[in-house]
């Protein structure tokens, strides 16, 4: 919700743009909150089933070991689901809040402008042998200019992680603070940083 709110607010300044919005796969801070609290009640059962099979059940219980052998199967099934959905297949912009590997999958299926908002580490639970590959995919996606991609990290730790692991600087915006009308005022370290 936070990156959407940030984008909506930015687009309302001096522009007369209309947003048609759908939320899919949202589960933080609670599954279904986009519908229950904000009225975005779209449902794509096939996409929900895909998320449960390939992402949700793995993200806190185990690693994504399926990626080693089943990546093509997961990508093909996601492609079929996204192409069959009239709204998704005609969208001009996707906001992807991760996981990062999922954002690269979306781009592999649909060349569309993207706002990537990361509040979580880049490759958590991804099999160690696949991490370099995913970091390169994330780097390529983040550097894309046609269609464009904008990457925003939710905090300086993630911005530093992008610099270290993906070898690239990214924007840092404390979207959660903007969403709650709070400012970011960290206490300076003794050395002034």
C-alpha atoms as a PDB file:
ATOM      1  CA  UNK A   1       0.000   0.000   0.000  1.00  0.00           C
ATOM      2  CA  UNK A   2       2.799   2.446   0.831  1.00  0.00           C
ATOM      3  CA  UNK A   3       4.480   2.524  -2.602  1.00  0.00           C
ATOM      4  CA  UNK A   4       1.073   2.817  -4.269  1.00  0.00           C
ATOM      5  CA  UNK A   5       0.163   5.745  -2.003  1.00  0.00           C
ATOM      6  CA  UNK A   6       3.529   7.385  -2.726  1.00  0.00           C
ATOM      7  CA  UNK A   7       3.093   6.989  -6.485  1.00  0.00           C
ATOM      8  CA  UNK A   8      -0.517   8.164  -6.395  1.00  0.00           C
ATOM      9  CA  UNK A   9       0.488  11.283  -4.459  1.00  0.00           C
ATOM     10  CA  UNK A  10       3.383  12.014  -6.824  1.00  0.00           C
ATOM     11  CA  UNK A  11       1.186  11.572  -9.902  1.00  0.00           C
ATOM     12  CA  UNK A  12      -1.447  13.953  -8.546  1.00  0.00           C
ATOM     13  CA  UNK A  13       0.978  16.888  -8.517  1.00  0.00           C
ATOM     14  CA  UNK A  14       0.426  18.848 -11.717  1.00  0.00           C
ATOM     15  CA  UNK A  15      -0.899  15.854 -13.639  1.00  0.00           C
ATOM     16  CA  UNK A  16      -4.381  14.830 -14.492  1.00  0.00           C
ATOM     17  CA  UNK A  17      -3.809  11.069 -14.456  1.00  0.00           C
ATOM     18  CA  UNK A  18      -6.257   8.394 -13.439  1.00  0.00           C
ATOM     19  CA  UNK A  19      -5.127   5.171 -11.816  1.00  0.00           C
ATOM     20  CA  UNK A  20      -6.996   1.922 -12.162  1.00  0.00           C
ATOM     21  CA  UNK A  21      -5.587  -0.268  -9.441  1.00  0.00           C
ATOM     22  CA  UNK A  22      -5.525  -3.911  -8.476  1.00  0.00           C
ATOM     23  CA  UNK A  23      -3.571  -5.586  -5.693  1.00  0.00           C
ATOM     24  CA  UNK A  24      -2.442  -9.183  -6.044  1.00  0.00           C
ATOM     25  CA  UNK A  25      -0.346 -11.271  -3.679  1.00  0.00           C
ATOM     26  CA  UNK A  26      -0.451  -8.688  -0.898  1.00  0.00           C
ATOM     27  CA  UNK A  27       0.038 -10.279   2.495  1.00  0.00           C
ATOM     28  CA  UNK A  28       1.729  -7.660   4.647  1.00  0.00           C
ATOM     29  CA  UNK A  29       0.681  -6.426   7.168  1.00  0.00           C
ATOM     30  CA  UNK A  30      -2.202  -8.899   6.796  1.00  0.00           C
ATOM     31  CA  UNK A  31      -3.573 -11.010   3.963  1.00  0.00           C
ATOM     32  CA  UNK A  32      -6.671  -9.366   2.508  1.00  0.00           C
ATOM     33  CA  UNK A  33      -6.114  -5.932   4.065  1.00  0.00           C
ATOM     34  CA  UNK A  34      -6.143  -4.236   0.639  1.00  0.00           C
ATOM     35  CA  UNK A  35      -9.733  -5.432   0.278  1.00  0.00           C
ATOM     36  CA  UNK A  36     -10.919  -5.231   3.863  1.00  0.00           C
ATOM     37  CA  UNK A  37      -9.557  -1.794   4.747  1.00  0.00           C
ATOM     38  CA  UNK A  38      -9.093  -0.077   1.378  1.00  0.00           C
ATOM     39  CA  UNK A  39     -11.723  -1.569  -0.925  1.00  0.00           C
ATOM     40  CA  UNK A  40      -9.350  -3.075  -3.509  1.00  0.00           C
ATOM     41  CA  UNK A  41     -11.125  -6.421  -3.731  1.00  0.00           C
ATOM     42  CA  UNK A  42      -9.883  -7.898  -7.007  1.00  0.00           C
ATOM     43  CA  UNK A  43      -9.483 -11.614  -7.056  1.00  0.00           C
ATOM     44  CA  UNK A  44      -7.485 -13.757  -9.404  1.00  0.00           C
ATOM     45  CA  UNK A  45      -7.802 -17.280  -7.968  1.00  0.00           C
ATOM     46  CA  UNK A  46      -5.177 -18.679 -10.339  1.00  0.00           C
ATOM     47  CA  UNK A  47      -2.637 -16.054  -9.258  1.00  0.00           C
ATOM     48  CA  UNK A  48      -3.531 -16.638  -5.611  1.00  0.00           C
ATOM     49  CA  UNK A  49      -2.946 -20.367  -6.068  1.00  0.00           C
ATOM     50  CA  UNK A  50       0.361 -19.644  -7.798  1.00  0.00           C
ATOM     51  CA  UNK A  51       1.500 -17.422  -4.908  1.00  0.00           C
ATOM     52  CA  UNK A  52       0.543 -20.054  -2.354  1.00  0.00           C
ATOM     53  CA  UNK A  53       2.404 -22.789  -4.241  1.00  0.00           C
ATOM     54  CA  UNK A  54       5.605 -20.985  -5.190  1.00  0.00           C
ATOM     55  CA  UNK A  55       6.039 -18.124  -2.729  1.00  0.00           C
ATOM     56  CA  UNK A  56       3.975 -18.020   0.441  1.00  0.00           C
ATOM     57  CA  UNK A  57       4.575 -21.521   1.736  1.00  0.00           C
ATOM     58  CA  UNK A  58       8.324 -21.172   1.291  1.00  0.00           C
ATOM     59  CA  UNK A  59       8.994 -17.673   2.559  1.00  0.00           C
ATOM     60  CA  UNK A  60       8.977 -18.402   6.277  1.00  0.00           C
ATOM     61  CA  UNK A  61       9.101 -22.199   6.514  1.00  0.00           C
ATOM     62  CA  UNK A  62      11.962 -23.338   4.332  1.00  0.00           C
ATOM     63  CA  UNK A  63      14.076 -22.154   1.457  1.00  0.00           C
ATOM     64  CA  UNK A  64      13.167 -21.862  -2.170  1.00  0.00           C
ATOM     65  CA  UNK A  65      14.891 -25.108  -3.139  1.00  0.00           C
ATOM     66  CA  UNK A  66      12.288 -25.596  -5.879  1.00  0.00           C
ATOM     67  CA  UNK A  67      14.058 -22.865  -7.857  1.00  0.00           C
ATOM     68  CA  UNK A  68      16.897 -25.188  -8.803  1.00  0.00           C
ATOM     69  CA  UNK A  69      14.763 -27.565 -10.858  1.00  0.00           C
ATOM     70  CA  UNK A  70      11.314 -26.006 -11.168  1.00  0.00           C
ATOM     71  CA  UNK A  71      11.994 -22.379 -12.174  1.00  0.00           C
ATOM     72  CA  UNK A  72      10.865 -22.944 -15.791  1.00  0.00           C
ATOM     73  CA  UNK A  73       7.635 -24.585 -14.612  1.00  0.00           C
ATOM     74  CA  UNK A  74       6.905 -21.733 -12.194  1.00  0.00           C
ATOM     75  CA  UNK A  75       7.695 -19.105 -14.833  1.00  0.00           C
ATOM     76  CA  UNK A  76       5.542 -20.777 -17.497  1.00  0.00           C
ATOM     77  CA  UNK A  77       2.568 -21.073 -15.162  1.00  0.00           C
ATOM     78  CA  UNK A  78       2.935 -17.442 -14.037  1.00  0.00           C
ATOM     79  CA  UNK A  79       3.131 -16.325 -17.679  1.00  0.00           C
ATOM     80  CA  UNK A  80      -0.095 -18.146 -18.518  1.00  0.00           C
ATOM     81  CA  UNK A  81      -1.879 -16.617 -15.520  1.00  0.00           C
ATOM     82  CA  UNK A  82      -0.734 -13.048 -16.218  1.00  0.00           C
ATOM     83  CA  UNK A  83      -1.523 -13.250 -19.936  1.00  0.00           C
ATOM     84  CA  UNK A  84      -5.014 -14.641 -19.252  1.00  0.00           C
ATOM     85  CA  UNK A  85      -5.935 -11.750 -16.938  1.00  0.00           C
ATOM     86  CA  UNK A  86      -7.397  -8.860 -18.986  1.00  0.00           C
ATOM     87  CA  UNK A  87      -6.435  -6.179 -16.467  1.00  0.00           C
ATOM     88  CA  UNK A  88      -2.885  -7.394 -15.860  1.00  0.00           C
ATOM     89  CA  UNK A  89      -2.189  -8.051 -19.530  1.00  0.00           C
ATOM     90  CA  UNK A  90      -3.182  -4.461 -20.426  1.00  0.00           C
ATOM     91  CA  UNK A  91      -1.502  -2.641 -17.525  1.00  0.00           C
ATOM     92  CA  UNK A  92       1.084   0.081 -18.165  1.00  0.00           C
ATOM     93  CA  UNK A  93       2.824   0.017 -14.778  1.00  0.00           C
ATOM     94  CA  UNK A  94       3.500  -2.603 -12.141  1.00  0.00           C
ATOM     95  CA  UNK A  95       4.487  -1.888  -8.565  1.00  0.00           C
ATOM     96  CA  UNK A  96       6.332  -4.924  -7.238  1.00  0.00           C
ATOM     97  CA  UNK A  97       7.101  -5.162  -3.551  1.00  0.00           C
ATOM     98  CA  UNK A  98       9.040  -8.372  -3.834  1.00  0.00           C
ATOM     99  CA  UNK A  99      10.345 -10.785  -3.281  1.00  0.00           C
ATOM    100  CA  UNK A 100      12.979  -9.611  -5.735  1.00  0.00           C
ATOM    101  CA  UNK A 101      13.012 -12.885  -7.656  1.00  0.00           C
ATOM    102  CA  UNK A 102       9.247 -12.524  -8.242  1.00  0.00           C
ATOM    103  CA  UNK A 103       9.744  -9.042  -9.696  1.00  0.00           C
ATOM    104  CA  UNK A 104      12.270 -10.477 -12.169  1.00  0.00           C
ATOM    105  CA  UNK A 105       9.720 -13.136 -13.118  1.00  0.00           C
ATOM    106  CA  UNK A 106       7.081 -10.494 -13.833  1.00  0.00           C
ATOM    107  CA  UNK A 107       9.510  -8.621 -16.092  1.00  0.00           C
ATOM    108  CA  UNK A 108      10.414 -11.857 -17.898  1.00  0.00           C
ATOM    109  CA  UNK A 109       6.716 -12.304 -18.704  1.00  0.00           C
ATOM    110  CA  UNK A 110       5.640  -8.708 -19.331  1.00  0.00           C
ATOM    111  CA  UNK A 111       7.767  -5.806 -20.500  1.00  0.00           C
ATOM    112  CA  UNK A 112       6.169  -3.016 -18.505  1.00  0.00           C
ATOM    113  CA  UNK A 113       7.375   0.012 -16.550  1.00  0.00           C
ATOM    114  CA  UNK A 114       7.981  -1.003 -12.945  1.00  0.00           C
ATOM    115  CA  UNK A 115       8.353   0.602  -9.544  1.00  0.00           C
ATOM    116  CA  UNK A 116      10.206  -1.866  -7.353  1.00  0.00           C
ATOM    117  CA  UNK A 117       9.874  -1.254  -3.639  1.00  0.00           C
ATOM    118  CA  UNK A 118      12.032  -3.406  -1.395  1.00  0.00           C
ATOM    119  CA  UNK A 119      11.567  -3.606   2.352  1.00  0.00           C
ATOM    120  CA  UNK A 120      13.135  -7.081   2.668  1.00  0.00           C
ATOM    121  CA  UNK A 121      16.583  -8.510   1.858  1.00  0.00           C
ATOM    122  CA  UNK A 122      17.250  -9.271  -1.799  1.00  0.00           C
ATOM    123  CA  UNK A 123      17.818 -13.021  -1.779  1.00  0.00           C
ATOM    124  CA  UNK A 124      16.668 -14.464   1.541  1.00  0.00           C
ATOM    125  CA  UNK A 125      16.191 -18.226   1.545  1.00  0.00           C
ATOM    126  CA  UNK A 126      17.173 -18.469  -2.146  1.00  0.00           C
ATOM    127  CA  UNK A 127      19.480 -21.494  -2.555  1.00  0.00           C
ATOM    128  CA  UNK A 128      23.071 -20.367  -2.130  1.00  0.00           C
ATOM    129  CA  UNK A 129      24.112 -21.696  -5.544  1.00  0.00           C
ATOM    130  CA  UNK A 130      21.485 -19.524  -7.268  1.00  0.00           C
ATOM    131  CA  UNK A 131      22.128 -16.234  -5.453  1.00  0.00           C
ATOM    132  CA  UNK A 132      24.672 -14.852  -7.959  1.00  0.00           C
ATOM    133  CA  UNK A 133      22.202 -15.511 -10.801  1.00  0.00           C
ATOM    134  CA  UNK A 134      19.364 -13.746  -8.992  1.00  0.00           C
ATOM    135  CA  UNK A 135      21.534 -10.805  -8.024  1.00  0.00           C
ATOM    136  CA  UNK A 136      22.452 -10.385 -11.715  1.00  0.00           C
ATOM    137  CA  UNK A 137      18.760 -10.591 -12.679  1.00  0.00           C
ATOM    138  CA  UNK A 138      17.901  -7.958 -10.079  1.00  0.00           C
ATOM    139  CA  UNK A 139      20.748  -5.755 -11.300  1.00  0.00           C
ATOM    140  CA  UNK A 140      19.624  -6.064 -14.930  1.00  0.00           C
ATOM    141  CA  UNK A 141      16.022  -5.315 -14.008  1.00  0.00           C
ATOM    142  CA  UNK A 142      16.970  -2.306 -11.897  1.00  0.00           C
ATOM    143  CA  UNK A 143      19.104  -0.847 -14.693  1.00  0.00           C
ATOM    144  CA  UNK A 144      16.423  -1.294 -17.358  1.00  0.00           C
ATOM    145  CA  UNK A 145      15.457   1.833 -19.233  1.00  0.00           C
ATOM    146  CA  UNK A 146      13.063   0.481 -21.847  1.00  0.00           C
ATOM    147  CA  UNK A 147      10.633   0.030 -20.306  1.00  0.00           C
ATOM    148  CA  UNK A 148      11.941   1.947 -17.305  1.00  0.00           C
ATOM    149  CA  UNK A 149      12.363   0.618 -13.795  1.00  0.00           C
ATOM    150  CA  UNK A 150      12.702   2.659 -10.612  1.00  0.00           C
ATOM    151  CA  UNK A 151      14.024   0.939  -7.492  1.00  0.00           C
ATOM    152  CA  UNK A 152      13.312   2.231  -4.009  1.00  0.00           C
ATOM    153  CA  UNK A 153      14.766   0.697  -0.850  1.00  0.00           C
ATOM    154  CA  UNK A 154      12.804   1.142   2.353  1.00  0.00           C
ATOM    155  CA  UNK A 155      15.873   1.852   4.472  1.00  0.00           C
ATOM    156  CA  UNK A 156      19.597   2.538   4.309  1.00  0.00           C
ATOM    157  CA  UNK A 157      20.501  -1.053   5.189  1.00  0.00           C
ATOM    158  CA  UNK A 158      18.769  -2.295   2.036  1.00  0.00           C
ATOM    159  CA  UNK A 159      20.279   0.522  -0.014  1.00  0.00           C
ATOM    160  CA  UNK A 160      23.695  -0.634   1.226  1.00  0.00           C
ATOM    161  CA  UNK A 161      22.791  -4.227   0.403  1.00  0.00           C
ATOM    162  CA  UNK A 162      22.008  -3.207  -3.186  1.00  0.00           C
ATOM    163  CA  UNK A 163      25.357  -1.415  -3.381  1.00  0.00           C
ATOM    164  CA  UNK A 164      27.256  -4.404  -2.002  1.00  0.00           C
ATOM    165  CA  UNK A 165      25.442  -7.349  -3.578  1.00  0.00           C
ATOM    166  CA  UNK A 166      24.028  -5.935  -6.827  1.00  0.00           C
ATOM    167  CA  UNK A 167      26.743  -3.302  -7.308  1.00  0.00           C
ATOM    168  CA  UNK A 168      24.364  -0.442  -7.793  1.00  0.00           C
ATOM    169  CA  UNK A 169      23.072   2.609  -5.966  1.00  0.00           C
ATOM    170  CA  UNK A 170      19.323   2.802  -5.407  1.00  0.00           C
ATOM    171  CA  UNK A 171      16.951   5.410  -4.067  1.00  0.00           C
ATOM    172  CA  UNK A 172      16.037   5.209  -0.393  1.00  0.00           C
ATOM    173  CA  UNK A 173      12.663   6.463   0.652  1.00  0.00           C
ATOM    174  CA  UNK A 174      11.065   5.727   3.960  1.00  0.00           C
ATOM    175  CA  UNK A 175       7.689   5.187   2.364  1.00  0.00           C
ATOM    176  CA  UNK A 176       6.178   3.900   5.587  1.00  0.00           C
ATOM    177  CA  UNK A 177       7.012   7.225   7.207  1.00  0.00           C
ATOM    178  CA  UNK A 178       5.516   9.208   4.336  1.00  0.00           C
ATOM    179  CA  UNK A 179       2.414   7.057   4.491  1.00  0.00           C
ATOM    180  CA  UNK A 180       2.033   7.915   8.186  1.00  0.00           C
ATOM    181  CA  UNK A 181       3.110  11.559   7.667  1.00  0.00           C
ATOM    182  CA  UNK A 182       6.310  11.017   9.647  1.00  0.00           C
ATOM    183  CA  UNK A 183       9.781  12.284   8.844  1.00  0.00           C
ATOM    184  CA  UNK A 184      13.052  10.403   9.081  1.00  0.00           C
ATOM    185  CA  UNK A 185      15.481  11.957  11.542  1.00  0.00           C
ATOM    186  CA  UNK A 186      18.184   9.461  12.460  1.00  0.00           C
ATOM    187  CA  UNK A 187      20.508  10.228  15.348  1.00  0.00           C
ATOM    188  CA  UNK A 188      23.949  11.027  13.901  1.00  0.00           C
ATOM    189  CA  UNK A 189      26.834   8.749  14.790  1.00  0.00           C
ATOM    190  CA  UNK A 190      29.730  10.125  16.833  1.00  0.00           C
ATOM    191  CA  UNK A 191      31.718  10.641  13.616  1.00  0.00           C
ATOM    192  CA  UNK A 192      28.948  12.857  12.236  1.00  0.00           C
ATOM    193  CA  UNK A 193      27.508  10.358   9.751  1.00  0.00           C
END
